[in-house]
């Protein structure tokens, strides 16, 4: 039986209280994740870790936009709609970016994924907050050394023109950037497993988007291989309804739910 772990964005900015975008409960999730990795040990065949990897200038960061009335950048957690941009409420800091950014918010509205949310700058490439949470890092390193194995790191989010919640594809793929297109290699590699344990941050956003995209590109029977380790994933505060609707939807499609102590106990 091949067991794979897929750990979504277990980074300091999400998982530590002093992080730029701390997800309430994520530190405790991380401790349980580390404990589960150590408990399962050599039963784990592969560990894949996704890493949110942003620049300061990003379409979902405050610096990219200005309130046309005040000239100030929008506050974190502001939702910018296609209507807001069409009415001129928000404009791009660089005027040359407005046309493409306008097309982007219209594409978001059309594709039914998340609206444009302005986030605090987070998981900046090379920053302390970009690093893997320490307890998880140590547990994964022990697994690598004990099993002469290498965890696979999957970066996402460095294209500043699009949000990239899902590790499988960007919310609006950029045809000129292969890194934003559907990652068929990842889907096929994961689908080879008999069991795929999924955990990480945040259940309401990056984890939900990744699992949905994997499920949408799996055969129906393969969705039953997915196991959400629910006490190793939390929601961004204020977005709990998105996490709960994701769990209900995917359970109805065949995804299993367990806890860090009960999974394969």
C-alpha atoms as a PDB file:
ATOM      1  CA  UNK A   1       0.000   0.000   0.000  1.00  0.00           C
ATOM      2  CA  UNK A   2       1.456   3.342  -1.063  1.00  0.00           C
ATOM      3  CA  UNK A   3       0.838   6.177   1.378  1.00  0.00           C
ATOM      4  CA  UNK A   4       1.474   9.780   0.391  1.00  0.00           C
ATOM      5  CA  UNK A   5       1.191  12.916   2.523  1.00  0.00           C
ATOM      6  CA  UNK A   6       0.216  16.201   0.908  1.00  0.00           C
ATOM      7  CA  UNK A   7       0.896  19.087   3.302  1.00  0.00           C
ATOM      8  CA  UNK A   8      -0.505  22.401   2.120  1.00  0.00           C
ATOM      9  CA  UNK A   9       1.423  25.606   2.909  1.00  0.00           C
ATOM     10  CA  UNK A  10       2.716  24.697   6.400  1.00  0.00           C
ATOM     11  CA  UNK A  11       4.596  27.993   6.601  1.00  0.00           C
ATOM     12  CA  UNK A  12       5.417  30.275   9.506  1.00  0.00           C
ATOM     13  CA  UNK A  13       3.295  33.145   8.221  1.00  0.00           C
ATOM     14  CA  UNK A  14       0.228  30.895   8.486  1.00  0.00           C
ATOM     15  CA  UNK A  15       1.236  28.629  11.349  1.00  0.00           C
ATOM     16  CA  UNK A  16       2.802  30.857  14.003  1.00  0.00           C
ATOM     17  CA  UNK A  17       0.974  33.540  16.024  1.00  0.00           C
ATOM     18  CA  UNK A  18       3.518  36.181  14.928  1.00  0.00           C
ATOM     19  CA  UNK A  19       3.059  35.282  11.269  1.00  0.00           C
ATOM     20  CA  UNK A  20       1.829  37.828   8.741  1.00  0.00           C
ATOM     21  CA  UNK A  21      -1.375  35.870   8.070  1.00  0.00           C
ATOM     22  CA  UNK A  22      -1.770  33.609  11.101  1.00  0.00           C
ATOM     23  CA  UNK A  23      -4.582  31.103  10.810  1.00  0.00           C
ATOM     24  CA  UNK A  24      -6.130  30.656  14.243  1.00  0.00           C
ATOM     25  CA  UNK A  25      -5.410  27.086  15.389  1.00  0.00           C
ATOM     26  CA  UNK A  26      -2.661  26.441  12.844  1.00  0.00           C
ATOM     27  CA  UNK A  27       0.120  26.117  15.424  1.00  0.00           C
ATOM     28  CA  UNK A  28      -1.734  23.286  17.151  1.00  0.00           C
ATOM     29  CA  UNK A  29      -2.452  21.755  13.729  1.00  0.00           C
ATOM     30  CA  UNK A  30       1.287  21.821  13.040  1.00  0.00           C
ATOM     31  CA  UNK A  31       2.162  20.021  16.264  1.00  0.00           C
ATOM     32  CA  UNK A  32      -0.363  17.290  15.452  1.00  0.00           C
ATOM     33  CA  UNK A  33       0.995  17.046  11.903  1.00  0.00           C
ATOM     34  CA  UNK A  34       4.540  16.580  13.170  1.00  0.00           C
ATOM     35  CA  UNK A  35       3.392  13.952  15.648  1.00  0.00           C
ATOM     36  CA  UNK A  36       1.554  12.037  12.918  1.00  0.00           C
ATOM     37  CA  UNK A  37       4.589  12.060  10.620  1.00  0.00           C
ATOM     38  CA  UNK A  38       6.723  10.600  13.402  1.00  0.00           C
ATOM     39  CA  UNK A  39       4.066   8.016  14.297  1.00  0.00           C
ATOM     40  CA  UNK A  40       3.665   6.775  10.736  1.00  0.00           C
ATOM     41  CA  UNK A  41       7.409   6.870  10.015  1.00  0.00           C
ATOM     42  CA  UNK A  42       8.490   4.412   7.338  1.00  0.00           C
ATOM     43  CA  UNK A  43       4.889   3.659   6.410  1.00  0.00           C
ATOM     44  CA  UNK A  44       4.945   6.959   4.512  1.00  0.00           C
ATOM     45  CA  UNK A  45       6.155   6.532   0.942  1.00  0.00           C
ATOM     46  CA  UNK A  46       6.171  10.167  -0.125  1.00  0.00           C
ATOM     47  CA  UNK A  47       5.690  13.612   1.385  1.00  0.00           C
ATOM     48  CA  UNK A  48       4.787  16.576  -0.789  1.00  0.00           C
ATOM     49  CA  UNK A  49       4.754  20.071   0.672  1.00  0.00           C
ATOM     50  CA  UNK A  50       3.303  23.091  -1.100  1.00  0.00           C
ATOM     51  CA  UNK A  51       4.782  26.519  -0.409  1.00  0.00           C
ATOM     52  CA  UNK A  52       3.009  29.815  -0.975  1.00  0.00           C
ATOM     53  CA  UNK A  53       5.724  31.989  -2.550  1.00  0.00           C
ATOM     54  CA  UNK A  54       4.925  35.647  -3.145  1.00  0.00           C
ATOM     55  CA  UNK A  55       6.513  38.961  -4.063  1.00  0.00           C
ATOM     56  CA  UNK A  56       5.582  42.180  -2.277  1.00  0.00           C
ATOM     57  CA  UNK A  57       4.075  43.411  -5.534  1.00  0.00           C
ATOM     58  CA  UNK A  58       1.201  40.997  -6.034  1.00  0.00           C
ATOM     59  CA  UNK A  59      -2.305  41.494  -7.374  1.00  0.00           C
ATOM     60  CA  UNK A  60      -3.684  40.378  -3.989  1.00  0.00           C
ATOM     61  CA  UNK A  61      -1.437  42.604  -1.848  1.00  0.00           C
ATOM     62  CA  UNK A  62      -2.302  46.169  -0.787  1.00  0.00           C
ATOM     63  CA  UNK A  63       0.546  47.864  -2.684  1.00  0.00           C
ATOM     64  CA  UNK A  64      -0.914  46.799  -6.038  1.00  0.00           C
ATOM     65  CA  UNK A  65      -4.100  48.900  -5.652  1.00  0.00           C
ATOM     66  CA  UNK A  66      -5.196  52.396  -4.620  1.00  0.00           C
ATOM     67  CA  UNK A  67      -8.540  53.716  -3.449  1.00  0.00           C
ATOM     68  CA  UNK A  68      -9.242  56.379  -6.060  1.00  0.00           C
ATOM     69  CA  UNK A  69     -10.912  58.640  -3.496  1.00  0.00           C
ATOM     70  CA  UNK A  70      -8.171  58.602  -0.866  1.00  0.00           C
ATOM     71  CA  UNK A  71      -5.082  57.524  -2.782  1.00  0.00           C
ATOM     72  CA  UNK A  72      -4.431  54.925  -0.067  1.00  0.00           C
ATOM     73  CA  UNK A  73      -3.879  51.214  -0.549  1.00  0.00           C
ATOM     74  CA  UNK A  74      -6.865  49.069   0.458  1.00  0.00           C
ATOM     75  CA  UNK A  75      -6.716  47.501   3.890  1.00  0.00           C
ATOM     76  CA  UNK A  76      -6.039  43.769   4.214  1.00  0.00           C
ATOM     77  CA  UNK A  77      -9.153  41.612   3.766  1.00  0.00           C
ATOM     78  CA  UNK A  78     -10.777  44.144   1.423  1.00  0.00           C
ATOM     79  CA  UNK A  79     -12.746  42.419  -1.343  1.00  0.00           C
ATOM     80  CA  UNK A  80     -12.335  44.088  -4.740  1.00  0.00           C
ATOM     81  CA  UNK A  81     -15.065  43.189  -7.211  1.00  0.00           C
ATOM     82  CA  UNK A  82     -15.277  43.648 -10.954  1.00  0.00           C
ATOM     83  CA  UNK A  83     -17.914  46.301 -10.290  1.00  0.00           C
ATOM     84  CA  UNK A  84     -15.547  48.185  -7.960  1.00  0.00           C
ATOM     85  CA  UNK A  85     -12.929  48.361 -10.703  1.00  0.00           C
ATOM     86  CA  UNK A  86     -15.460  49.208 -13.431  1.00  0.00           C
ATOM     87  CA  UNK A  87     -16.767  52.136 -11.343  1.00  0.00           C
ATOM     88  CA  UNK A  88     -13.227  53.321 -10.693  1.00  0.00           C
ATOM     89  CA  UNK A  89     -13.405  52.820  -6.938  1.00  0.00           C
ATOM     90  CA  UNK A  90     -10.047  51.050  -7.044  1.00  0.00           C
ATOM     91  CA  UNK A  91      -7.264  51.636  -9.550  1.00  0.00           C
ATOM     92  CA  UNK A  92      -3.859  50.034  -9.933  1.00  0.00           C
ATOM     93  CA  UNK A  93      -0.859  51.788  -8.396  1.00  0.00           C
ATOM     94  CA  UNK A  94       0.879  51.406 -11.753  1.00  0.00           C
ATOM     95  CA  UNK A  95      -1.584  52.822 -14.320  1.00  0.00           C
ATOM     96  CA  UNK A  96      -0.146  50.531 -16.990  1.00  0.00           C
ATOM     97  CA  UNK A  97      -1.472  47.547 -15.030  1.00  0.00           C
ATOM     98  CA  UNK A  98      -5.128  48.662 -14.972  1.00  0.00           C
ATOM     99  CA  UNK A  99      -6.275  47.049 -18.222  1.00  0.00           C
ATOM    100  CA  UNK A 100      -4.932  43.608 -17.343  1.00  0.00           C
ATOM    101  CA  UNK A 101      -6.074  43.858 -13.725  1.00  0.00           C
ATOM    102  CA  UNK A 102      -9.579  44.788 -14.902  1.00  0.00           C
ATOM    103  CA  UNK A 103      -9.651  41.722 -17.145  1.00  0.00           C
ATOM    104  CA  UNK A 104      -8.465  39.644 -14.200  1.00  0.00           C
ATOM    105  CA  UNK A 105     -11.267  40.589 -11.811  1.00  0.00           C
ATOM    106  CA  UNK A 106     -13.793  39.940 -14.594  1.00  0.00           C
ATOM    107  CA  UNK A 107     -12.265  36.491 -15.159  1.00  0.00           C
ATOM    108  CA  UNK A 108     -12.498  35.758 -11.436  1.00  0.00           C
ATOM    109  CA  UNK A 109     -16.169  36.711 -11.453  1.00  0.00           C
ATOM    110  CA  UNK A 110     -16.782  34.443 -14.424  1.00  0.00           C
ATOM    111  CA  UNK A 111     -14.932  31.346 -13.238  1.00  0.00           C
ATOM    112  CA  UNK A 112     -16.756  30.998  -9.920  1.00  0.00           C
ATOM    113  CA  UNK A 113     -13.626  30.732  -7.774  1.00  0.00           C
ATOM    114  CA  UNK A 114     -12.725  33.192  -5.034  1.00  0.00           C
ATOM    115  CA  UNK A 115     -13.262  36.941  -5.476  1.00  0.00           C
ATOM    116  CA  UNK A 116     -10.173  39.112  -5.264  1.00  0.00           C
ATOM    117  CA  UNK A 117      -9.266  39.464  -1.584  1.00  0.00           C
ATOM    118  CA  UNK A 118      -6.467  41.780  -0.515  1.00  0.00           C
ATOM    119  CA  UNK A 119      -4.232  39.905   1.923  1.00  0.00           C
ATOM    120  CA  UNK A 120      -1.487  41.169   4.198  1.00  0.00           C
ATOM    121  CA  UNK A 121       1.835  40.642   2.393  1.00  0.00           C
ATOM    122  CA  UNK A 122       2.748  37.083   3.359  1.00  0.00           C
ATOM    123  CA  UNK A 123       5.064  34.196   2.507  1.00  0.00           C
ATOM    124  CA  UNK A 124       7.423  36.619   0.790  1.00  0.00           C
ATOM    125  CA  UNK A 125      10.134  34.692  -1.004  1.00  0.00           C
ATOM    126  CA  UNK A 126      13.238  34.508   1.186  1.00  0.00           C
ATOM    127  CA  UNK A 127      11.524  35.836   4.289  1.00  0.00           C
ATOM    128  CA  UNK A 128      11.290  34.144   7.679  1.00  0.00           C
ATOM    129  CA  UNK A 129       7.550  33.766   7.168  1.00  0.00           C
ATOM    130  CA  UNK A 130       8.116  31.768   3.975  1.00  0.00           C
ATOM    131  CA  UNK A 131       9.882  28.989   5.896  1.00  0.00           C
ATOM    132  CA  UNK A 132       8.195  25.733   6.907  1.00  0.00           C
ATOM    133  CA  UNK A 133       6.890  25.728  10.483  1.00  0.00           C
ATOM    134  CA  UNK A 134       9.694  24.413  12.706  1.00  0.00           C
ATOM    135  CA  UNK A 135       8.068  21.304  14.228  1.00  0.00           C
ATOM    136  CA  UNK A 136       6.857  20.132  10.829  1.00  0.00           C
ATOM    137  CA  UNK A 137      10.259  20.858   9.298  1.00  0.00           C
ATOM    138  CA  UNK A 138      12.011  18.799  11.964  1.00  0.00           C
ATOM    139  CA  UNK A 139       9.597  15.862  11.608  1.00  0.00           C
ATOM    140  CA  UNK A 140       9.951  15.846   7.816  1.00  0.00           C
ATOM    141  CA  UNK A 141      13.749  16.077   8.101  1.00  0.00           C
ATOM    142  CA  UNK A 142      13.793  13.078  10.445  1.00  0.00           C
ATOM    143  CA  UNK A 143      11.620  11.127   7.996  1.00  0.00           C
ATOM    144  CA  UNK A 144      14.032  11.997   5.167  1.00  0.00           C
ATOM    145  CA  UNK A 145      17.085  10.908   7.109  1.00  0.00           C
ATOM    146  CA  UNK A 146      15.527   7.744   8.535  1.00  0.00           C
ATOM    147  CA  UNK A 147      14.224   6.620   5.154  1.00  0.00           C
ATOM    148  CA  UNK A 148      16.895   8.064   2.839  1.00  0.00           C
ATOM    149  CA  UNK A 149      14.090   9.950   1.121  1.00  0.00           C
ATOM    150  CA  UNK A 150      13.411  13.480  -0.099  1.00  0.00           C
ATOM    151  CA  UNK A 151      10.213  15.388   0.491  1.00  0.00           C
ATOM    152  CA  UNK A 152       9.065  17.188  -2.643  1.00  0.00           C
ATOM    153  CA  UNK A 153       8.595  20.961  -2.416  1.00  0.00           C
ATOM    154  CA  UNK A 154       6.005  22.548  -4.709  1.00  0.00           C
ATOM    155  CA  UNK A 155       6.066  26.337  -4.944  1.00  0.00           C
ATOM    156  CA  UNK A 156       3.145  28.446  -6.100  1.00  0.00           C
ATOM    157  CA  UNK A 157       2.168  32.099  -6.158  1.00  0.00           C
ATOM    158  CA  UNK A 158       5.213  33.852  -7.604  1.00  0.00           C
ATOM    159  CA  UNK A 159       3.316  35.119 -10.671  1.00  0.00           C
ATOM    160  CA  UNK A 160       2.084  38.495  -9.393  1.00  0.00           C
ATOM    161  CA  UNK A 161      -0.758  38.688 -11.944  1.00  0.00           C
ATOM    162  CA  UNK A 162      -2.869  35.927 -10.431  1.00  0.00           C
ATOM    163  CA  UNK A 163      -3.864  34.349  -7.150  1.00  0.00           C
ATOM    164  CA  UNK A 164      -2.644  30.784  -6.779  1.00  0.00           C
ATOM    165  CA  UNK A 165      -4.529  29.209  -3.891  1.00  0.00           C
ATOM    166  CA  UNK A 166      -4.470  25.756  -5.455  1.00  0.00           C
ATOM    167  CA  UNK A 167      -1.196  23.914  -5.895  1.00  0.00           C
ATOM    168  CA  UNK A 168      -2.707  22.410  -9.058  1.00  0.00           C
ATOM    169  CA  UNK A 169      -3.418  25.623 -10.994  1.00  0.00           C
ATOM    170  CA  UNK A 170      -3.733  29.381 -10.570  1.00  0.00           C
ATOM    171  CA  UNK A 171      -7.172  30.923 -10.162  1.00  0.00           C
ATOM    172  CA  UNK A 172      -6.702  32.570 -13.557  1.00  0.00           C
ATOM    173  CA  UNK A 173      -3.939  30.670 -15.393  1.00  0.00           C
ATOM    174  CA  UNK A 174      -1.467  32.793 -17.354  1.00  0.00           C
ATOM    175  CA  UNK A 175      -0.904  31.180 -20.784  1.00  0.00           C
ATOM    176  CA  UNK A 176       2.617  32.627 -20.854  1.00  0.00           C
ATOM    177  CA  UNK A 177       3.590  31.061 -17.514  1.00  0.00           C
ATOM    178  CA  UNK A 178       3.547  27.246 -17.395  1.00  0.00           C
ATOM    179  CA  UNK A 179       3.782  27.343 -13.583  1.00  0.00           C
ATOM    180  CA  UNK A 180       0.213  28.689 -13.439  1.00  0.00           C
ATOM    181  CA  UNK A 181      -1.293  26.054 -15.739  1.00  0.00           C
ATOM    182  CA  UNK A 182      -2.822  22.728 -14.715  1.00  0.00           C
ATOM    183  CA  UNK A 183      -0.095  20.661 -13.016  1.00  0.00           C
ATOM    184  CA  UNK A 184      -0.853  17.287 -14.560  1.00  0.00           C
ATOM    185  CA  UNK A 185       2.419  15.803 -13.277  1.00  0.00           C
ATOM    186  CA  UNK A 186       1.334  16.456  -9.687  1.00  0.00           C
ATOM    187  CA  UNK A 187      -2.138  15.049 -10.261  1.00  0.00           C
ATOM    188  CA  UNK A 188      -0.790  11.871 -11.837  1.00  0.00           C
ATOM    189  CA  UNK A 189       1.861  11.401  -9.145  1.00  0.00           C
ATOM    190  CA  UNK A 190      -0.678  11.750  -6.354  1.00  0.00           C
ATOM    191  CA  UNK A 191      -3.225   9.500  -8.032  1.00  0.00           C
ATOM    192  CA  UNK A 192      -0.710   6.619  -8.059  1.00  0.00           C
ATOM    193  CA  UNK A 193      -0.992   6.345  -4.280  1.00  0.00           C
ATOM    194  CA  UNK A 194      -3.397   4.049  -2.495  1.00  0.00           C
ATOM    195  CA  UNK A 195      -3.956   6.592   0.282  1.00  0.00           C
ATOM    196  CA  UNK A 196      -3.388  10.361   0.198  1.00  0.00           C
ATOM    197  CA  UNK A 197      -3.484  12.118   3.568  1.00  0.00           C
ATOM    198  CA  UNK A 198      -4.061  15.850   3.138  1.00  0.00           C
ATOM    199  CA  UNK A 199      -3.509  18.525   5.793  1.00  0.00           C
ATOM    200  CA  UNK A 200      -2.314  22.119   6.062  1.00  0.00           C
ATOM    201  CA  UNK A 201      -3.434  25.706   5.720  1.00  0.00           C
ATOM    202  CA  UNK A 202      -5.878  27.000   5.163  1.00  0.00           C
ATOM    203  CA  UNK A 203      -8.859  24.676   4.962  1.00  0.00           C
ATOM    204  CA  UNK A 204     -10.993  27.552   3.696  1.00  0.00           C
ATOM    205  CA  UNK A 205      -8.641  28.537   0.872  1.00  0.00           C
ATOM    206  CA  UNK A 206      -5.443  26.819  -0.332  1.00  0.00           C
ATOM    207  CA  UNK A 207      -6.247  23.359   0.998  1.00  0.00           C
ATOM    208  CA  UNK A 208      -9.818  23.490  -0.294  1.00  0.00           C
ATOM    209  CA  UNK A 209      -8.749  24.706  -3.741  1.00  0.00           C
ATOM    210  CA  UNK A 210      -5.976  22.121  -4.061  1.00  0.00           C
ATOM    211  CA  UNK A 211      -8.156  19.177  -3.062  1.00  0.00           C
ATOM    212  CA  UNK A 212     -11.038  20.312  -5.278  1.00  0.00           C
ATOM    213  CA  UNK A 213      -8.727  20.609  -8.272  1.00  0.00           C
ATOM    214  CA  UNK A 214      -7.206  17.198  -7.596  1.00  0.00           C
ATOM    215  CA  UNK A 215     -10.647  15.637  -7.229  1.00  0.00           C
ATOM    216  CA  UNK A 216     -11.893  17.308 -10.413  1.00  0.00           C
ATOM    217  CA  UNK A 217      -9.031  15.704 -12.332  1.00  0.00           C
ATOM    218  CA  UNK A 218      -9.169  12.282 -10.649  1.00  0.00           C
ATOM    219  CA  UNK A 219     -11.421   9.467 -11.679  1.00  0.00           C
ATOM    220  CA  UNK A 220     -14.395   9.115  -9.333  1.00  0.00           C
ATOM    221  CA  UNK A 221     -12.886   6.052  -7.662  1.00  0.00           C
ATOM    222  CA  UNK A 222      -9.622   7.863  -6.941  1.00  0.00           C
ATOM    223  CA  UNK A 223     -11.375  10.515  -4.845  1.00  0.00           C
ATOM    224  CA  UNK A 224     -11.932   7.758  -2.276  1.00  0.00           C
ATOM    225  CA  UNK A 225      -8.150   7.650  -1.780  1.00  0.00           C
ATOM    226  CA  UNK A 226      -8.215  11.149  -0.297  1.00  0.00           C
ATOM    227  CA  UNK A 227      -8.171  11.492   3.489  1.00  0.00           C
ATOM    228  CA  UNK A 228      -8.511  14.911   5.042  1.00  0.00           C
ATOM    229  CA  UNK A 229      -6.763  15.027   8.422  1.00  0.00           C
ATOM    230  CA  UNK A 230      -9.235  17.547   9.747  1.00  0.00           C
ATOM    231  CA  UNK A 231      -7.543  18.405  13.042  1.00  0.00           C
ATOM    232  CA  UNK A 232      -4.431  19.385  11.068  1.00  0.00           C
ATOM    233  CA  UNK A 233      -6.181  22.111   9.068  1.00  0.00           C
ATOM    234  CA  UNK A 234      -7.925  25.339  10.104  1.00  0.00           C
ATOM    235  CA  UNK A 235      -9.877  28.125   8.414  1.00  0.00           C
ATOM    236  CA  UNK A 236      -8.895  31.737   7.909  1.00  0.00           C
ATOM    237  CA  UNK A 237     -10.975  33.564  10.540  1.00  0.00           C
ATOM    238  CA  UNK A 238     -14.133  34.961   9.004  1.00  0.00           C
ATOM    239  CA  UNK A 239     -14.101  32.391   6.200  1.00  0.00           C
ATOM    240  CA  UNK A 240     -15.130  29.322   8.225  1.00  0.00           C
ATOM    241  CA  UNK A 241     -18.168  28.747   6.007  1.00  0.00           C
ATOM    242  CA  UNK A 242     -15.876  28.134   3.030  1.00  0.00           C
ATOM    243  CA  UNK A 243     -13.997  25.401   4.861  1.00  0.00           C
ATOM    244  CA  UNK A 244     -17.136  23.669   6.060  1.00  0.00           C
ATOM    245  CA  UNK A 245     -18.780  23.753   2.631  1.00  0.00           C
ATOM    246  CA  UNK A 246     -15.586  22.287   1.133  1.00  0.00           C
ATOM    247  CA  UNK A 247     -15.609  19.370   3.586  1.00  0.00           C
ATOM    248  CA  UNK A 248     -19.298  18.642   2.996  1.00  0.00           C
ATOM    249  CA  UNK A 249     -18.893  18.818  -0.776  1.00  0.00           C
ATOM    250  CA  UNK A 250     -15.856  16.547  -0.955  1.00  0.00           C
ATOM    251  CA  UNK A 251     -17.206  14.034   1.545  1.00  0.00           C
ATOM    252  CA  UNK A 252     -20.276  13.707  -0.671  1.00  0.00           C
ATOM    253  CA  UNK A 253     -17.916  12.955  -3.556  1.00  0.00           C
ATOM    254  CA  UNK A 254     -16.064  10.251  -1.612  1.00  0.00           C
ATOM    255  CA  UNK A 255     -13.316  11.976   0.365  1.00  0.00           C
ATOM    256  CA  UNK A 256     -12.668  10.491   3.812  1.00  0.00           C
ATOM    257  CA  UNK A 257     -12.106  12.446   7.029  1.00  0.00           C
ATOM    258  CA  UNK A 258      -9.952  11.390   9.958  1.00  0.00           C
ATOM    259  CA  UNK A 259      -7.737  12.822  12.703  1.00  0.00           C
ATOM    260  CA  UNK A 260      -3.992  12.779  13.263  1.00  0.00           C
ATOM    261  CA  UNK A 261      -4.230  10.099  15.969  1.00  0.00           C
ATOM    262  CA  UNK A 262      -6.880   7.933  14.316  1.00  0.00           C
ATOM    263  CA  UNK A 263      -5.524   7.828  10.753  1.00  0.00           C
ATOM    264  CA  UNK A 264      -4.074   4.330  10.185  1.00  0.00           C
ATOM    265  CA  UNK A 265      -3.909   3.786  13.949  1.00  0.00           C
END
